[in-house]
């Protein structure tokens, strides 16, 4: 497995240097070790994965710090970074004929949804972890998988329901899972106040099955 990090992001490739491409979009904490670990896990399974750094070097460990970084994030620049990251994946061994998958965590879920609507030729599958967002999905060609927490003040039921309805109206395949008894960040082991190992492993298993499904 090959790893490479620069100021733009973190890239992991399997030993062959080629494989299905997965874009990983970080939560409001930034590109931390947890998100790099997701890329490492994907690399071991044969995927070429890339996590762009939407904060360009800044990291948060507390909610107050994360709120500030998210509030100051330039939306247009972040969207441009995600489009650049798609090209980076294709240049790094991802097969352009098969498109890519996108995994978005919380803040990153918003940009994953946006990307699926603005670059429909590239994005074939989207995985959301406890994150929603608006968007125009009329041009989207992706299938969607979403993992949500039962006890989540950041993502109310109304937001989940709106997104599910919007994807249905756009005739996009979408599967939504609600994990009982857990809260936001349940997948992230560094968030010791929220991490739930059983829910995290189940969500990961479902994610890998989804990523290995042909969505072309």
Protein backbone atom coordinates (compact mmCIF):
# COMPACT_ATOMS: atom_id res chain seq x y z
CA UNK A 1 0.00 0.00 0.00
CA UNK A 2 1.26 3.44 -0.92
CA UNK A 3 0.55 6.61 1.06
CA UNK A 4 1.24 10.18 0.05
CA UNK A 5 0.33 13.43 1.78
CA UNK A 6 0.83 17.03 0.71
CA UNK A 7 -0.83 20.34 1.50
CA UNK A 8 -3.81 19.43 -0.69
CA UNK A 9 -4.73 16.10 0.86
CA UNK A 10 -3.98 12.46 1.67
CA UNK A 11 -3.74 9.77 -1.02
CA UNK A 12 -3.64 6.01 -0.51
CA UNK A 13 -3.18 3.45 -3.30
CA UNK A 14 -3.14 -0.35 -3.22
CA UNK A 15 0.12 -2.12 -4.16
CA UNK A 16 -0.96 -2.31 -7.80
CA UNK A 17 -1.35 1.47 -7.94
CA UNK A 18 -4.79 1.09 -9.50
CA UNK A 19 -8.30 0.39 -8.31
CA UNK A 20 -11.78 1.83 -7.87
CA UNK A 21 -11.62 5.46 -6.82
CA UNK A 22 -13.08 6.73 -3.55
CA UNK A 23 -13.12 10.37 -2.53
CA UNK A 24 -13.28 10.84 1.26
CA UNK A 25 -14.60 14.21 2.52
CA UNK A 26 -13.78 15.04 6.12
CA UNK A 27 -16.11 16.32 8.88
CA UNK A 28 -15.77 19.74 10.47
CA UNK A 29 -12.74 18.62 12.49
CA UNK A 30 -10.63 18.67 9.32
CA UNK A 31 -8.35 16.09 7.74
CA UNK A 32 -7.38 14.29 10.94
CA UNK A 33 -5.96 10.84 11.64
CA UNK A 34 -9.43 9.27 11.73
CA UNK A 35 -10.13 10.28 8.14
CA UNK A 36 -6.66 9.21 7.03
CA UNK A 37 -7.42 5.90 8.71
CA UNK A 38 -10.52 5.52 6.54
CA UNK A 39 -8.32 5.98 3.47
CA UNK A 40 -5.87 3.40 4.82
CA UNK A 41 -8.66 0.87 5.34
CA UNK A 42 -9.88 1.45 1.80
CA UNK A 43 -6.36 1.04 0.42
CA UNK A 44 -6.04 -2.35 2.09
CA UNK A 45 -9.23 -3.39 0.30
CA UNK A 46 -7.91 -2.42 -3.13
CA UNK A 47 -9.36 1.08 -3.51
CA UNK A 48 -7.53 4.22 -4.56
CA UNK A 49 -8.70 6.75 -1.98
CA UNK A 50 -8.08 10.45 -1.63
CA UNK A 51 -9.11 12.85 1.14
CA UNK A 52 -8.72 16.51 0.18
CA UNK A 53 -7.95 18.97 2.97
CA UNK A 54 -10.77 21.50 2.73
CA UNK A 55 -9.25 23.47 5.63
CA UNK A 56 -5.74 23.59 4.11
CA UNK A 57 -3.84 22.54 7.18
CA UNK A 58 -6.12 23.64 10.00
CA UNK A 59 -7.55 21.14 12.48
CA UNK A 60 -10.06 21.24 15.32
CA UNK A 61 -10.35 19.01 18.36
CA UNK A 62 -13.17 20.80 20.20
CA UNK A 63 -16.67 21.64 19.01
CA UNK A 64 -15.98 25.35 19.44
CA UNK A 65 -12.89 25.13 17.23
CA UNK A 66 -14.74 23.08 14.64
CA UNK A 67 -17.67 25.50 14.56
CA UNK A 68 -15.27 28.34 13.85
CA UNK A 69 -13.49 26.48 11.05
CA UNK A 70 -16.77 25.41 9.44
CA UNK A 71 -18.19 28.93 9.71
CA UNK A 72 -15.11 30.42 8.02
CA UNK A 73 -14.96 27.83 5.25
CA UNK A 74 -15.23 29.40 1.80
CA UNK A 75 -17.97 27.37 0.12
CA UNK A 76 -16.87 28.12 -3.44
CA UNK A 77 -13.27 27.24 -2.67
CA UNK A 78 -14.31 24.02 -0.94
CA UNK A 79 -16.40 23.00 -3.93
CA UNK A 80 -13.50 23.78 -6.25
CA UNK A 81 -11.26 21.64 -4.03
CA UNK A 82 -13.63 18.68 -4.34
CA UNK A 83 -13.67 18.95 -8.14
CA UNK A 84 -9.87 19.14 -8.18
CA UNK A 85 -9.78 16.09 -5.92
CA UNK A 86 -11.83 14.08 -8.42
CA UNK A 87 -9.20 14.78 -11.08
CA UNK A 88 -6.48 13.86 -8.59
CA UNK A 89 -8.10 10.47 -8.11
CA UNK A 90 -8.20 9.79 -11.84
CA UNK A 91 -4.59 10.90 -12.21
CA UNK A 92 -3.62 8.56 -9.34
CA UNK A 93 -4.90 5.26 -10.68
CA UNK A 94 -8.69 5.38 -10.38
CA UNK A 95 -10.46 4.08 -13.48
CA UNK A 96 -12.22 7.03 -15.18
CA UNK A 97 -14.53 4.72 -17.13
CA UNK A 98 -16.10 3.50 -13.88
CA UNK A 99 -16.41 6.87 -12.16
CA UNK A 100 -15.80 7.28 -8.44
CA UNK A 101 -17.53 6.84 -5.11
CA UNK A 102 -17.67 9.61 -2.51
CA UNK A 103 -17.84 9.16 1.26
CA UNK A 104 -18.81 12.29 3.16
CA UNK A 105 -18.73 12.66 6.93
CA UNK A 106 -21.03 15.30 8.46
CA UNK A 107 -19.73 18.53 6.86
CA UNK A 108 -18.24 16.41 4.10
CA UNK A 109 -21.65 14.86 3.40
CA UNK A 110 -22.92 18.25 2.25
CA UNK A 111 -20.11 18.54 -0.29
CA UNK A 112 -20.57 14.92 -1.37
CA UNK A 113 -24.18 15.68 -2.23
CA UNK A 114 -23.25 18.87 -4.05
CA UNK A 115 -20.59 17.05 -6.06
CA UNK A 116 -23.00 14.33 -7.13
CA UNK A 117 -25.19 16.98 -8.71
CA UNK A 118 -22.47 19.09 -10.30
CA UNK A 119 -20.23 16.28 -11.60
CA UNK A 120 -22.71 13.52 -12.44
CA UNK A 121 -20.45 11.89 -15.02
CA UNK A 122 -17.79 11.17 -12.39
CA UNK A 123 -19.79 10.40 -9.23
CA UNK A 124 -21.52 7.02 -9.38
CA UNK A 125 -21.99 6.30 -5.67
CA UNK A 126 -22.34 8.45 -2.55
CA UNK A 127 -22.07 7.36 1.09
CA UNK A 128 -23.23 9.79 3.78
CA UNK A 129 -22.32 9.56 7.44
CA UNK A 130 -24.69 11.61 9.62
CA UNK A 131 -24.88 14.48 7.18
CA UNK A 132 -27.40 15.96 4.77
CA UNK A 133 -27.64 19.05 2.62
CA UNK A 134 -29.65 20.66 -0.08
CA UNK A 135 -28.89 20.30 -3.75
CA UNK A 136 -30.23 19.79 -7.22
CA UNK A 137 -30.17 16.08 -8.01
CA UNK A 138 -31.94 16.24 -11.36
CA UNK A 139 -28.67 15.63 -13.21
CA UNK A 140 -27.24 13.16 -10.69
CA UNK A 141 -26.43 9.64 -11.82
CA UNK A 142 -25.33 8.25 -8.47
CA UNK A 143 -26.75 5.72 -6.06
CA UNK A 144 -26.86 6.80 -2.41
CA UNK A 145 -26.27 5.11 0.95
CA UNK A 146 -26.80 7.05 4.17
CA UNK A 147 -25.97 6.27 7.80
CA UNK A 148 -27.78 8.36 10.40
CA UNK A 149 -27.82 8.44 14.19
CA UNK A 150 -31.03 8.15 16.19
CA UNK A 151 -29.94 10.79 18.72
CA UNK A 152 -28.55 13.57 16.56
CA UNK A 153 -29.23 17.26 17.26
CA UNK A 154 -27.19 18.23 14.20
CA UNK A 155 -29.31 16.26 11.73
CA UNK A 156 -33.02 16.32 12.62
CA UNK A 157 -35.49 13.89 11.17
CA UNK A 158 -36.88 16.63 8.94
CA UNK A 159 -33.53 17.00 7.17
CA UNK A 160 -33.28 13.25 6.56
CA UNK A 161 -36.83 13.12 5.28
CA UNK A 162 -36.30 16.05 2.92
CA UNK A 163 -33.19 14.46 1.44
CA UNK A 164 -34.86 11.09 1.02
CA UNK A 165 -37.75 12.77 -0.75
CA UNK A 166 -35.49 14.85 -2.99
CA UNK A 167 -33.55 11.79 -4.12
CA UNK A 168 -36.78 9.89 -4.72
CA UNK A 169 -38.12 12.78 -6.81
CA UNK A 170 -34.90 12.63 -8.86
CA UNK A 171 -35.38 8.88 -9.36
CA UNK A 172 -32.09 8.09 -7.65
CA UNK A 173 -31.61 4.78 -5.77
CA UNK A 174 -31.16 5.56 -2.07
CA UNK A 175 -30.90 3.44 1.08
CA UNK A 176 -31.09 5.16 4.46
CA UNK A 177 -30.13 3.45 7.73
CA UNK A 178 -30.93 4.79 11.19
CA UNK A 179 -28.72 3.45 14.00
CA UNK A 180 -30.55 3.10 17.30
CA UNK A 181 -29.18 4.59 20.48
CA UNK A 182 -26.20 6.41 18.96
CA UNK A 183 -25.37 10.04 18.28
CA UNK A 184 -23.51 12.17 15.79
CA UNK A 185 -19.89 11.03 15.14
CA UNK A 186 -20.69 7.44 16.15
CA UNK A 187 -18.29 6.19 13.46
CA UNK A 188 -15.24 8.19 14.62
CA UNK A 189 -13.15 6.41 17.29
CA UNK A 190 -11.36 9.59 18.34
CA UNK A 191 -14.71 11.05 19.48
CA UNK A 192 -14.78 8.94 22.62
CA UNK A 193 -17.99 10.60 23.80
CA UNK A 194 -19.87 9.42 20.70
CA UNK A 195 -18.08 6.42 19.17
CA UNK A 196 -20.08 3.20 19.07
CA UNK A 197 -18.04 0.23 17.89
CA UNK A 198 -20.95 -2.02 16.96
CA UNK A 199 -22.74 0.65 14.94
CA UNK A 200 -19.49 1.78 13.33
CA UNK A 201 -18.57 -1.72 12.19
CA UNK A 202 -22.04 -2.40 10.83
CA UNK A 203 -21.99 0.89 8.91
CA UNK A 204 -18.54 0.05 7.53
CA UNK A 205 -19.63 -3.42 6.40
CA UNK A 206 -22.64 -1.93 4.62
CA UNK A 207 -20.43 0.74 3.07
CA UNK A 208 -17.94 -1.76 1.63
CA UNK A 209 -20.72 -3.88 0.13
CA UNK A 210 -22.13 -0.72 -1.44
CA UNK A 211 -18.74 0.41 -2.79
CA UNK A 212 -18.20 -3.01 -4.35
CA UNK A 213 -21.56 -2.89 -6.12
CA UNK A 214 -21.53 -1.90 -9.79
CA UNK A 215 -23.32 1.45 -10.01
CA UNK A 216 -22.50 2.20 -13.66
